[in-house]
Amino acid sequence: QVQLVESGGGVVQPGGSLRLSCAAAGSRINTNFLNWFRQAPGKEREAVVTYLNGRTNYAESVRGRFNIYRDSAKNTVYLQMNSLKYEDTAIYYCKYFSSWGQGTQVTVSL
C-alpha cells in the first residue's frame, strides 16, 4: 500500500503563499489521481483539488488561487496556495485512492 507524506504547512499572513507537498512512497503512483482535501476546525473534510474524467477540478473557494503541480519522476504532487485567506485555515490532506496522508496544518493569521 502506498504511503503519503504531506509537508509544507505553517503559519502565513492573509494574502501570503504556501506550497504543500505530498510525496508517495512504497509504490509508483499515477500522480493524476492524487487529490487534495482539507478539514477546517468544526467542519467536515472537503475536496480542494480532485481529478475526475481526465480533468483537474478546483473547489470554487480556491479556484484562481490554488494550483496543483504533478512531478511523476519524484512521485510527488505540490499544491501552490496563493492569496491565502483566513478561511483557508485547515489541515490539508492528500489522498490516493484509499490511502490518506497524515495531514499538514495551514494557519492563516496576522
PDB file of N, CA and C in Angstrom:
ATOM      1  N   GLN A   1       0.849  -1.185   0.000  1.00  0.00           N
ATOM      2  CA  GLN A   1       0.000   0.000   0.000  1.00  0.00           C
ATOM      3  C   GLN A   1       0.888   1.238   0.000  1.00  0.00           C
ATOM      4  N   VAL A   2       0.437   2.244  -0.710  1.00  0.00           N
ATOM      5  CA  VAL A   2       1.227   3.456  -0.819  1.00  0.00           C
ATOM      6  C   VAL A   2       1.132   4.275   0.464  1.00  0.00           C
ATOM      7  N   GLN A   3       2.240   4.867   0.858  1.00  0.00           N
ATOM      8  CA  GLN A   3       2.263   5.791   1.989  1.00  0.00           C
ATOM      9  C   GLN A   3       2.402   7.214   1.456  1.00  0.00           C
ATOM     10  N   LEU A   4       1.619   8.110   2.021  1.00  0.00           N
ATOM     11  CA  LEU A   4       1.631   9.504   1.590  1.00  0.00           C
ATOM     12  C   LEU A   4       2.093  10.390   2.741  1.00  0.00           C
ATOM     13  N   VAL A   5       3.001  11.297   2.437  1.00  0.00           N
ATOM     14  CA  VAL A   5       3.530  12.200   3.457  1.00  0.00           C
ATOM     15  C   VAL A   5       3.403  13.632   2.957  1.00  0.00           C
ATOM     16  N   GLU A   6       2.606  14.412   3.699  1.00  0.00           N
ATOM     17  CA  GLU A   6       2.461  15.825   3.358  1.00  0.00           C
ATOM     18  C   GLU A   6       3.497  16.653   4.124  1.00  0.00           C
ATOM     19  N   SER A   7       3.853  17.781   3.543  1.00  0.00           N
ATOM     20  CA  SER A   7       4.728  18.730   4.217  1.00  0.00           C
ATOM     21  C   SER A   7       4.475  20.111   3.629  1.00  0.00           C
ATOM     22  N   GLY A   8       5.020  21.119   4.296  1.00  0.00           N
ATOM     23  CA  GLY A   8       4.940  22.474   3.776  1.00  0.00           C
ATOM     24  C   GLY A   8       3.942  23.375   4.471  1.00  0.00           C
ATOM     25  N   GLY A   9       3.196  22.829   5.415  1.00  0.00           N
ATOM     26  CA  GLY A   9       2.242  23.655   6.130  1.00  0.00           C
ATOM     27  C   GLY A   9       2.945  24.633   7.054  1.00  0.00           C
ATOM     28  N   GLY A  10       2.169  25.572   7.598  1.00  0.00           N
ATOM     29  CA  GLY A  10       2.733  26.535   8.515  1.00  0.00           C
ATOM     30  C   GLY A  10       1.763  27.665   8.764  1.00  0.00           C
ATOM     31  N   VAL A  11       2.298  28.736   9.320  1.00  0.00           N
ATOM     32  CA  VAL A  11       1.514  29.928   9.609  1.00  0.00           C
ATOM     33  C   VAL A  11       1.882  31.002   8.599  1.00  0.00           C
ATOM     34  N   VAL A  12       0.877  31.609   8.012  1.00  0.00           N
ATOM     35  CA  VAL A  12       1.109  32.635   6.992  1.00  0.00           C
ATOM     36  C   VAL A  12       0.085  33.737   7.172  1.00  0.00           C
ATOM     37  N   GLN A  13       0.462  34.945   6.823  1.00  0.00           N
ATOM     38  CA  GLN A  13      -0.459  36.063   6.919  1.00  0.00           C
ATOM     39  C   GLN A  13      -1.435  36.063   5.751  1.00  0.00           C
ATOM     40  N   PRO A  14      -2.586  36.671   5.937  1.00  0.00           N
ATOM     41  CA  PRO A  14      -3.536  36.786   4.810  1.00  0.00           C
ATOM     42  C   PRO A  14      -2.862  37.425   3.602  1.00  0.00           C
ATOM     43  N   GLY A  15      -3.137  36.859   2.460  1.00  0.00           N
ATOM     44  CA  GLY A  15      -2.510  37.324   1.230  1.00  0.00           C
ATOM     45  C   GLY A  15      -1.215  36.623   0.893  1.00  0.00           C
ATOM     46  N   GLY A  16      -0.712  35.833   1.830  1.00  0.00           N
ATOM     47  CA  GLY A  16       0.544  35.142   1.619  1.00  0.00           C
ATOM     48  C   GLY A  16       0.380  33.856   0.830  1.00  0.00           C
ATOM     49  N   SER A  17       1.500  33.143   0.694  1.00  0.00           N
ATOM     50  CA  SER A  17       1.525  31.916  -0.094  1.00  0.00           C
ATOM     51  C   SER A  17       2.208  30.794   0.672  1.00  0.00           C
ATOM     52  N   LEU A  18       1.810  29.600   0.351  1.00  0.00           N
ATOM     53  CA  LEU A  18       2.472  28.394   0.848  1.00  0.00           C
ATOM     54  C   LEU A  18       2.446  27.361  -0.263  1.00  0.00           C
ATOM     55  N   ARG A  19       3.407  26.469  -0.204  1.00  0.00           N
ATOM     56  CA  ARG A  19       3.405  25.337  -1.136  1.00  0.00           C
ATOM     57  C   ARG A  19       3.458  24.057  -0.326  1.00  0.00           C
ATOM     58  N   LEU A  20       2.442  23.263  -0.499  1.00  0.00           N
ATOM     59  CA  LEU A  20       2.380  21.959   0.161  1.00  0.00           C
ATOM     60  C   LEU A  20       2.925  20.895  -0.777  1.00  0.00           C
ATOM     61  N   SER A  21       3.500  19.876  -0.182  1.00  0.00           N
ATOM     62  CA  SER A  21       3.995  18.734  -0.950  1.00  0.00           C
ATOM     63  C   SER A  21       3.341  17.466  -0.433  1.00  0.00           C
ATOM     64  N   CYS A  22       3.133  16.548  -1.323  1.00  0.00           N
ATOM     65  CA  CYS A  22       2.655  15.219  -0.954  1.00  0.00           C
ATOM     66  C   CYS A  22       3.532  14.215  -1.701  1.00  0.00           C
ATOM     67  N   ALA A  23       4.338  13.510  -0.940  1.00  0.00           N
ATOM     68  CA  ALA A  23       5.248  12.533  -1.521  1.00  0.00           C
ATOM     69  C   ALA A  23       4.719  11.134  -1.265  1.00  0.00           C
ATOM     70  N   ALA A  24       4.708  10.338  -2.303  1.00  0.00           N
ATOM     71  CA  ALA A  24       4.235   8.962  -2.189  1.00  0.00           C
ATOM     72  C   ALA A  24       5.423   8.017  -2.093  1.00  0.00           C
ATOM     73  N   ALA A  25       5.306   7.029  -1.211  1.00  0.00           N
ATOM     74  CA  ALA A  25       6.352   6.033  -1.037  1.00  0.00           C
ATOM     75  C   ALA A  25       5.723   4.645  -1.006  1.00  0.00           C
ATOM     76  N   GLY A  26       6.517   3.678  -1.351  1.00  0.00           N
ATOM     77  CA  GLY A  26       6.045   2.304  -1.311  1.00  0.00           C
ATOM     78  C   GLY A  26       5.686   1.749  -2.667  1.00  0.00           C
ATOM     79  N   SER A  27       5.247   2.607  -3.554  1.00  0.00           N
ATOM     80  CA  SER A  27       4.961   2.173  -4.917  1.00  0.00           C
ATOM     81  C   SER A  27       4.835   3.399  -5.812  1.00  0.00           C
ATOM     82  N   ARG A  28       5.041   3.155  -7.073  1.00  0.00           N
ATOM     83  CA  ARG A  28       4.895   4.243  -8.046  1.00  0.00           C
ATOM     84  C   ARG A  28       3.417   4.541  -8.215  1.00  0.00           C
ATOM     85  N   ILE A  29       3.075   5.837  -8.211  1.00  0.00           N
ATOM     86  CA  ILE A  29       1.668   6.201  -8.364  1.00  0.00           C
ATOM     87  C   ILE A  29       1.454   6.962  -9.666  1.00  0.00           C
ATOM     88  N   ASN A  30       0.221   6.991 -10.070  1.00  0.00           N
ATOM     89  CA  ASN A  30      -0.182   7.893 -11.151  1.00  0.00           C
ATOM     90  C   ASN A  30      -0.564   9.208 -10.478  1.00  0.00           C
ATOM     91  N   THR A  31       0.285  10.200 -10.599  1.00  0.00           N
ATOM     92  CA  THR A  31       0.072  11.442  -9.838  1.00  0.00           C
ATOM     93  C   THR A  31      -1.213  12.163 -10.241  1.00  0.00           C
ATOM     94  N   ASN A  32      -1.762  11.812 -11.374  1.00  0.00           N
ATOM     95  CA  ASN A  32      -3.031  12.442 -11.756  1.00  0.00           C
ATOM     96  C   ASN A  32      -4.139  12.141 -10.746  1.00  0.00           C
ATOM     97  N   PHE A  33      -4.033  10.994 -10.101  1.00  0.00           N
ATOM     98  CA  PHE A  33      -5.112  10.561  -9.217  1.00  0.00           C
ATOM     99  C   PHE A  33      -4.856  10.908  -7.755  1.00  0.00           C
ATOM    100  N   LEU A  34      -3.875  11.754  -7.505  1.00  0.00           N
ATOM    101  CA  LEU A  34      -3.620  12.191  -6.146  1.00  0.00           C
ATOM    102  C   LEU A  34      -4.377  13.491  -5.928  1.00  0.00           C
ATOM    103  N   ASN A  35      -5.286  13.470  -4.986  1.00  0.00           N
ATOM    104  CA  ASN A  35      -6.164  14.608  -4.736  1.00  0.00           C
ATOM    105  C   ASN A  35      -5.848  15.265  -3.398  1.00  0.00           C
ATOM    106  N   TRP A  36      -6.318  16.509  -3.248  1.00  0.00           N
ATOM    107  CA  TRP A  36      -6.125  17.254  -2.011  1.00  0.00           C
ATOM    108  C   TRP A  36      -7.474  17.546  -1.350  1.00  0.00           C
ATOM    109  N   PHE A  37      -7.491  17.370  -0.044  1.00  0.00           N
ATOM    110  CA  PHE A  37      -8.667  17.678   0.770  1.00  0.00           C
ATOM    111  C   PHE A  37      -8.217  18.562   1.925  1.00  0.00           C
ATOM    112  N   ARG A  38      -9.172  19.138   2.621  1.00  0.00           N
ATOM    113  CA  ARG A  38      -8.864  19.895   3.822  1.00  0.00           C
ATOM    114  C   ARG A  38     -10.011  19.793   4.807  1.00  0.00           C
ATOM    115  N   GLN A  39      -9.663  19.982   6.058  1.00  0.00           N
ATOM    116  CA  GLN A  39     -10.675  19.967   7.109  1.00  0.00           C
ATOM    117  C   GLN A  39     -10.412  21.116   8.058  1.00  0.00           C
ATOM    118  N   ALA A  40     -11.346  22.053   8.079  1.00  0.00           N
ATOM    119  CA  ALA A  40     -11.247  23.201   8.963  1.00  0.00           C
ATOM    120  C   ALA A  40     -11.826  22.828  10.315  1.00  0.00           C
ATOM    121  N   PRO A  41     -11.452  23.545  11.359  1.00  0.00           N
ATOM    122  CA  PRO A  41     -11.979  23.250  12.698  1.00  0.00           C
ATOM    123  C   PRO A  41     -13.501  23.287  12.717  1.00  0.00           C
ATOM    124  N   GLY A  42     -14.094  22.207  13.240  1.00  0.00           N
ATOM    125  CA  GLY A  42     -15.531  22.146  13.361  1.00  0.00           C
ATOM    126  C   GLY A  42     -16.284  21.886  12.080  1.00  0.00           C
ATOM    127  N   LYS A  43     -15.560  21.600  11.011  1.00  0.00           N
ATOM    128  CA  LYS A  43     -16.208  21.366   9.721  1.00  0.00           C
ATOM    129  C   LYS A  43     -15.843  19.997   9.181  1.00  0.00           C
ATOM    130  N   GLU A  44     -16.617  19.557   8.205  1.00  0.00           N
ATOM    131  CA  GLU A  44     -16.336  18.285   7.564  1.00  0.00           C
ATOM    132  C   GLU A  44     -15.184  18.437   6.566  1.00  0.00           C
ATOM    133  N   ARG A  45     -14.543  17.330   6.303  1.00  0.00           N
ATOM    134  CA  ARG A  45     -13.474  17.333   5.315  1.00  0.00           C
ATOM    135  C   ARG A  45     -14.065  17.619   3.932  1.00  0.00           C
ATOM    136  N   GLU A  46     -13.384  18.469   3.179  1.00  0.00           N
ATOM    137  CA  GLU A  46     -13.888  18.835   1.862  1.00  0.00           C
ATOM    138  C   GLU A  46     -12.792  18.697   0.816  1.00  0.00           C
ATOM    139  N   ALA A  47     -13.222  18.475  -0.414  1.00  0.00           N
ATOM    140  CA  ALA A  47     -12.278  18.371  -1.517  1.00  0.00           C
ATOM    141  C   ALA A  47     -11.784  19.748  -1.922  1.00  0.00           C
ATOM    142  N   VAL A  48     -10.492  19.840  -2.157  1.00  0.00           N
ATOM    143  CA  VAL A  48      -9.887  21.086  -2.627  1.00  0.00           C
ATOM    144  C   VAL A  48      -9.521  20.957  -4.108  1.00  0.00           C
ATOM    145  N   VAL A  49      -8.812  19.882  -4.435  1.00  0.00           N
ATOM    146  CA  VAL A  49      -8.445  19.612  -5.821  1.00  0.00           C
ATOM    147  C   VAL A  49      -8.676  18.130  -6.074  1.00  0.00           C
ATOM    148  N   THR A  50      -9.417  17.846  -7.116  1.00  0.00           N
ATOM    149  CA  THR A  50      -9.688  16.457  -7.475  1.00  0.00           C
ATOM    150  C   THR A  50      -9.467  16.251  -8.964  1.00  0.00           C
ATOM    151  N   TYR A  51      -9.308  15.005  -9.329  1.00  0.00           N
ATOM    152  CA  TYR A  51      -9.096  14.644 -10.730  1.00  0.00           C
ATOM    153  C   TYR A  51     -10.192  13.683 -11.126  1.00  0.00           C
ATOM    154  N   LEU A  52     -10.963  14.054 -12.111  1.00  0.00           N
ATOM    155  CA  LEU A  52     -12.110  13.237 -12.499  1.00  0.00           C
ATOM    156  C   LEU A  52     -12.335  13.365 -13.989  1.00  0.00           C
ATOM    157  N   ASN A  53     -12.532  12.225 -14.614  1.00  0.00           N
ATOM    158  CA  ASN A  53     -12.827  12.213 -16.050  1.00  0.00           C
ATOM    159  C   ASN A  53     -11.799  12.994 -16.867  1.00  0.00           C
ATOM    160  N   GLY A  54     -10.528  12.851 -16.460  1.00  0.00           N
ATOM    161  CA  GLY A  54      -9.473  13.471 -17.232  1.00  0.00           C
ATOM    162  C   GLY A  54      -9.265  14.941 -16.971  1.00  0.00           C
ATOM    163  N   ARG A  55      -9.933  15.478 -15.973  1.00  0.00           N
ATOM    164  CA  ARG A  55      -9.817  16.905 -15.694  1.00  0.00           C
ATOM    165  C   ARG A  55      -9.483  17.141 -14.237  1.00  0.00           C
ATOM    166  N   THR A  56      -8.681  18.171 -13.997  1.00  0.00           N
ATOM    167  CA  THR A  56      -8.402  18.607 -12.642  1.00  0.00           C
ATOM    168  C   THR A  56      -9.452  19.637 -12.246  1.00  0.00           C
ATOM    169  N   ASN A  57     -10.077  19.406 -11.116  1.00  0.00           N
ATOM    170  CA  ASN A  57     -11.148  20.283 -10.653  1.00  0.00           C
ATOM    171  C   ASN A  57     -10.757  20.954  -9.346  1.00  0.00           C
ATOM    172  N   TYR A  58     -10.981  22.240  -9.274  1.00  0.00           N
ATOM    173  CA  TYR A  58     -10.694  23.001  -8.064  1.00  0.00           C
ATOM    174  C   TYR A  58     -12.006  23.394  -7.404  1.00  0.00           C
ATOM    175  N   ALA A  59     -12.017  23.323  -6.086  1.00  0.00           N
ATOM    176  CA  ALA A  59     -13.182  23.835  -5.365  1.00  0.00           C
ATOM    177  C   ALA A  59     -13.361  25.310  -5.702  1.00  0.00           C
ATOM    178  N   GLU A  60     -14.592  25.728  -5.751  1.00  0.00           N
ATOM    179  CA  GLU A  60     -14.883  27.114  -6.122  1.00  0.00           C
ATOM    180  C   GLU A  60     -14.185  28.098  -5.184  1.00  0.00           C
ATOM    181  N   SER A  61     -14.046  27.727  -3.944  1.00  0.00           N
ATOM    182  CA  SER A  61     -13.457  28.624  -2.948  1.00  0.00           C
ATOM    183  C   SER A  61     -11.961  28.862  -3.153  1.00  0.00           C
ATOM    184  N   VAL A  62     -11.309  27.993  -3.940  1.00  0.00           N
ATOM    185  CA  VAL A  62      -9.856  28.147  -4.139  1.00  0.00           C
ATOM    186  C   VAL A  62      -9.490  28.388  -5.595  1.00  0.00           C
ATOM    187  N   ARG A  63     -10.471  28.320  -6.473  1.00  0.00           N
ATOM    188  CA  ARG A  63     -10.184  28.446  -7.897  1.00  0.00           C
ATOM    189  C   ARG A  63      -9.560  29.807  -8.191  1.00  0.00           C
ATOM    190  N   GLY A  64      -8.474  29.777  -8.948  1.00  0.00           N
ATOM    191  CA  GLY A  64      -7.759  31.000  -9.277  1.00  0.00           C
ATOM    192  C   GLY A  64      -6.680  31.358  -8.274  1.00  0.00           C
ATOM    193  N   ARG A  65      -6.686  30.714  -7.122  1.00  0.00           N
ATOM    194  CA  ARG A  65      -5.670  30.990  -6.098  1.00  0.00           C
ATOM    195  C   ARG A  65      -4.748  29.794  -5.866  1.00  0.00           C
ATOM    196  N   PHE A  66      -5.289  28.605  -6.008  1.00  0.00           N
ATOM    197  CA  PHE A  66      -4.521  27.376  -5.782  1.00  0.00           C
ATOM    198  C   PHE A  66      -4.210  26.725  -7.121  1.00  0.00           C
ATOM    199  N   ASN A  67      -3.036  26.115  -7.189  1.00  0.00           N
ATOM    200  CA  ASN A  67      -2.663  25.355  -8.378  1.00  0.00           C
ATOM    201  C   ASN A  67      -1.948  24.081  -7.965  1.00  0.00           C
ATOM    202  N   ILE A  68      -2.240  23.015  -8.674  1.00  0.00           N
ATOM    203  CA  ILE A  68      -1.608  21.738  -8.395  1.00  0.00           C
ATOM    204  C   ILE A  68      -0.547  21.468  -9.454  1.00  0.00           C
ATOM    205  N   TYR A  69       0.584  20.945  -8.996  1.00  0.00           N
ATOM    206  CA  TYR A  69       1.682  20.588  -9.897  1.00  0.00           C
ATOM    207  C   TYR A  69       2.083  19.150  -9.610  1.00  0.00           C
ATOM    208  N   ARG A  70       2.197  18.393 -10.666  1.00  0.00           N
ATOM    209  CA  ARG A  70       2.468  16.954 -10.515  1.00  0.00           C
ATOM    210  C   ARG A  70       3.854  16.632 -11.070  1.00  0.00           C
ATOM    211  N   ASP A  71       4.671  15.972 -10.248  1.00  0.00           N
ATOM    212  CA  ASP A  71       6.011  15.556 -10.677  1.00  0.00           C
ATOM    213  C   ASP A  71       6.063  14.039 -10.597  1.00  0.00           C
ATOM    214  N   SER A  72       5.789  13.419 -11.709  1.00  0.00           N
ATOM    215  CA  SER A  72       5.747  11.956 -11.727  1.00  0.00           C
ATOM    216  C   SER A  72       7.111  11.346 -11.442  1.00  0.00           C
ATOM    217  N   ALA A  73       8.160  11.996 -11.892  1.00  0.00           N
ATOM    218  CA  ALA A  73       9.501  11.461 -11.678  1.00  0.00           C
ATOM    219  C   ALA A  73       9.828  11.368 -10.192  1.00  0.00           C
ATOM    220  N   LYS A  74       9.294  12.310  -9.412  1.00  0.00           N
ATOM    221  CA  LYS A  74       9.544  12.317  -7.969  1.00  0.00           C
ATOM    222  C   LYS A  74       8.411  11.678  -7.183  1.00  0.00           C
ATOM    223  N   ASN A  75       7.401  11.186  -7.903  1.00  0.00           N
ATOM    224  CA  ASN A  75       6.267  10.577  -7.196  1.00  0.00           C
ATOM    225  C   ASN A  75       5.649  11.565  -6.203  1.00  0.00           C
ATOM    226  N   THR A  76       5.599  12.812  -6.599  1.00  0.00           N
ATOM    227  CA  THR A  76       5.202  13.894  -5.683  1.00  0.00           C
ATOM    228  C   THR A  76       4.247  14.852  -6.375  1.00  0.00           C
ATOM    229  N   VAL A  77       3.333  15.368  -5.585  1.00  0.00           N
ATOM    230  CA  VAL A  77       2.403  16.378  -6.072  1.00  0.00           C
ATOM    231  C   VAL A  77       2.487  17.589  -5.151  1.00  0.00           C
ATOM    232  N   TYR A  78       2.438  18.767  -5.737  1.00  0.00           N
ATOM    233  CA  TYR A  78       2.540  20.006  -4.988  1.00  0.00           C
ATOM    234  C   TYR A  78       1.232  20.788  -5.101  1.00  0.00           C
ATOM    235  N   LEU A  79       0.904  21.486  -4.023  1.00  0.00           N
ATOM    236  CA  LEU A  79      -0.249  22.375  -4.047  1.00  0.00           C
ATOM    237  C   LEU A  79       0.256  23.775  -3.732  1.00  0.00           C
ATOM    238  N   GLN A  80       0.284  24.617  -4.744  1.00  0.00           N
ATOM    239  CA  GLN A  80       0.686  26.008  -4.564  1.00  0.00           C
ATOM    240  C   GLN A  80      -0.538  26.816  -4.178  1.00  0.00           C
ATOM    241  N   MET A  81      -0.455  27.447  -3.018  1.00  0.00           N
ATOM    242  CA  MET A  81      -1.592  28.204  -2.498  1.00  0.00           C
ATOM    243  C   MET A  81      -1.205  29.678  -2.403  1.00  0.00           C
ATOM    244  N   ASN A  82      -1.883  30.501  -3.149  1.00  0.00           N
ATOM    245  CA  ASN A  82      -1.609  31.930  -3.176  1.00  0.00           C
ATOM    246  C   ASN A  82      -2.814  32.714  -2.642  1.00  0.00           C
ATOM    247  N   SER A  83      -2.566  33.962  -2.313  1.00  0.00           N
ATOM    248  CA  SER A  83      -3.632  34.851  -1.835  1.00  0.00           C
ATOM    249  C   SER A  83      -4.450  34.182  -0.734  1.00  0.00           C
ATOM    250  N   LEU A  84      -3.753  33.637   0.230  1.00  0.00           N
ATOM    251  CA  LEU A  84      -4.426  32.877   1.275  1.00  0.00           C
ATOM    252  C   LEU A  84      -5.340  33.752   2.108  1.00  0.00           C
ATOM    253  N   LYS A  85      -6.445  33.147   2.525  1.00  0.00           N
ATOM    254  CA  LYS A  85      -7.456  33.823   3.318  1.00  0.00           C
ATOM    255  C   LYS A  85      -7.608  33.130   4.662  1.00  0.00           C
ATOM    256  N   TYR A  86      -8.211  33.817   5.607  1.00  0.00           N
ATOM    257  CA  TYR A  86      -8.435  33.216   6.925  1.00  0.00           C
ATOM    258  C   TYR A  86      -9.171  31.883   6.784  1.00  0.00           C
ATOM    259  N   GLU A  87     -10.125  31.856   5.893  1.00  0.00           N
ATOM    260  CA  GLU A  87     -10.957  30.653   5.751  1.00  0.00           C
ATOM    261  C   GLU A  87     -10.222  29.481   5.105  1.00  0.00           C
ATOM    262  N   ASP A  88      -8.980  29.699   4.691  1.00  0.00           N
ATOM    263  CA  ASP A  88      -8.175  28.584   4.195  1.00  0.00           C
ATOM    264  C   ASP A  88      -7.499  27.821   5.329  1.00  0.00           C
ATOM    265  N   THR A  89      -7.626  28.324   6.542  1.00  0.00           N
ATOM    266  CA  THR A  89      -7.054  27.635   7.694  1.00  0.00           C
ATOM    267  C   THR A  89      -7.689  26.260   7.848  1.00  0.00           C
ATOM    268  N   ALA A  90      -6.852  25.236   7.859  1.00  0.00           N
ATOM    269  CA  ALA A  90      -7.346  23.854   7.907  1.00  0.00           C
ATOM    270  C   ALA A  90      -6.160  22.906   7.964  1.00  0.00           C
ATOM    271  N   ILE A  91      -6.475  21.652   8.203  1.00  0.00           N
ATOM    272  CA  ILE A  91      -5.494  20.594   7.990  1.00  0.00           C
ATOM    273  C   ILE A  91      -5.694  20.110   6.562  1.00  0.00           C
ATOM    274  N   TYR A  92      -4.617  20.067   5.823  1.00  0.00           N
ATOM    275  CA  TYR A  92      -4.660  19.669   4.420  1.00  0.00           C
ATOM    276  C   TYR A  92      -4.140  18.241   4.287  1.00  0.00           C
ATOM    277  N   TYR A  93      -4.905  17.449   3.564  1.00  0.00           N
ATOM    278  CA  TYR A  93      -4.588  16.041   3.371  1.00  0.00           C
ATOM    279  C   TYR A  93      -4.480  15.738   1.882  1.00  0.00           C
ATOM    280  N   CYS A  94      -3.570  14.842   1.544  1.00  0.00           N
ATOM    281  CA  CYS A  94      -3.576  14.307   0.195  1.00  0.00           C
ATOM    282  C   CYS A  94      -4.122  12.881   0.261  1.00  0.00           C
ATOM    283  N   LYS A  95      -4.688  12.472  -0.837  1.00  0.00           N
ATOM    284  CA  LYS A  95      -5.367  11.175  -0.893  1.00  0.00           C
ATOM    285  C   LYS A  95      -5.104  10.535  -2.241  1.00  0.00           C
ATOM    286  N   TYR A  96      -4.769   9.264  -2.194  1.00  0.00           N
ATOM    287  CA  TYR A  96      -4.578   8.480  -3.414  1.00  0.00           C
ATOM    288  C   TYR A  96      -5.406   7.225  -3.270  1.00  0.00           C
ATOM    289  N   PHE A  97      -6.514   7.200  -3.960  1.00  0.00           N
ATOM    290  CA  PHE A  97      -7.494   6.121  -3.833  1.00  0.00           C
ATOM    291  C   PHE A  97      -7.836   5.939  -2.361  1.00  0.00           C
ATOM    292  N   SER A  98      -7.542   4.842  -1.722  1.00  0.00           N
ATOM    293  CA  SER A  98      -7.936   4.640  -0.331  1.00  0.00           C
ATOM    294  C   SER A  98      -6.882   5.072   0.675  1.00  0.00           C
ATOM    295  N   SER A  99      -5.765   5.580   0.205  1.00  0.00           N
ATOM    296  CA  SER A  99      -4.670   5.976   1.102  1.00  0.00           C
ATOM    297  C   SER A  99      -4.720   7.474   1.381  1.00  0.00           C
ATOM    298  N   TRP A 100      -4.585   7.804   2.669  1.00  0.00           N
ATOM    299  CA  TRP A 100      -4.555   9.201   3.094  1.00  0.00           C
ATOM    300  C   TRP A 100      -3.208   9.507   3.732  1.00  0.00           C
ATOM    301  N   GLY A 101      -2.779  10.754   3.568  1.00  0.00           N
ATOM    302  CA  GLY A 101      -1.629  11.200   4.317  1.00  0.00           C
ATOM    303  C   GLY A 101      -2.046  11.584   5.727  1.00  0.00           C
ATOM    304  N   GLN A 102      -1.057  11.990   6.535  1.00  0.00           N
ATOM    305  CA  GLN A 102      -1.329  12.325   7.933  1.00  0.00           C
ATOM    306  C   GLN A 102      -1.827  13.751   8.096  1.00  0.00           C
ATOM    307  N   GLY A 103      -1.684  14.545   7.060  1.00  0.00           N
ATOM    308  CA  GLY A 103      -2.161  15.921   7.105  1.00  0.00           C
ATOM    309  C   GLY A 103      -1.078  16.901   7.499  1.00  0.00           C
ATOM    310  N   THR A 104      -1.231  18.130   7.031  1.00  0.00           N
ATOM    311  CA  THR A 104      -0.322  19.212   7.401  1.00  0.00           C
ATOM    312  C   THR A 104      -1.168  20.451   7.696  1.00  0.00           C
ATOM    313  N   GLN A 105      -0.846  21.109   8.797  1.00  0.00           N
ATOM    314  CA  GLN A 105      -1.650  22.241   9.254  1.00  0.00           C
ATOM    315  C   GLN A 105      -1.277  23.524   8.513  1.00  0.00           C
ATOM    316  N   VAL A 106      -2.293  24.197   8.021  1.00  0.00           N
ATOM    317  CA  VAL A 106      -2.127  25.519   7.419  1.00  0.00           C
ATOM    318  C   VAL A 106      -2.951  26.497   8.247  1.00  0.00           C
ATOM    319  N   THR A 107      -2.285  27.516   8.746  1.00  0.00           N
ATOM    320  CA  THR A 107      -2.962  28.531   9.543  1.00  0.00           C
ATOM    321  C   THR A 107      -2.727  29.890   8.915  1.00  0.00           C
ATOM    322  N   VAL A 108      -3.807  30.585   8.608  1.00  0.00           N
ATOM    323  CA  VAL A 108      -3.713  31.924   8.046  1.00  0.00           C
ATOM    324  C   VAL A 108      -4.100  32.899   9.155  1.00  0.00           C
ATOM    325  N   SER A 109      -3.135  33.694   9.559  1.00  0.00           N
ATOM    326  CA  SER A 109      -3.353  34.556  10.715  1.00  0.00           C
ATOM    327  C   SER A 109      -2.384  35.724  10.674  1.00  0.00           C
ATOM    328  N   LEU A 110      -2.800  36.845  11.274  1.00  0.00           N
ATOM    329  CA  LEU A 110      -1.906  38.004  11.371  1.00  0.00           C
ATOM    330  C   LEU A 110      -0.840  37.740  12.413  1.00  0.00           C
TER     331      LEU A 110
END
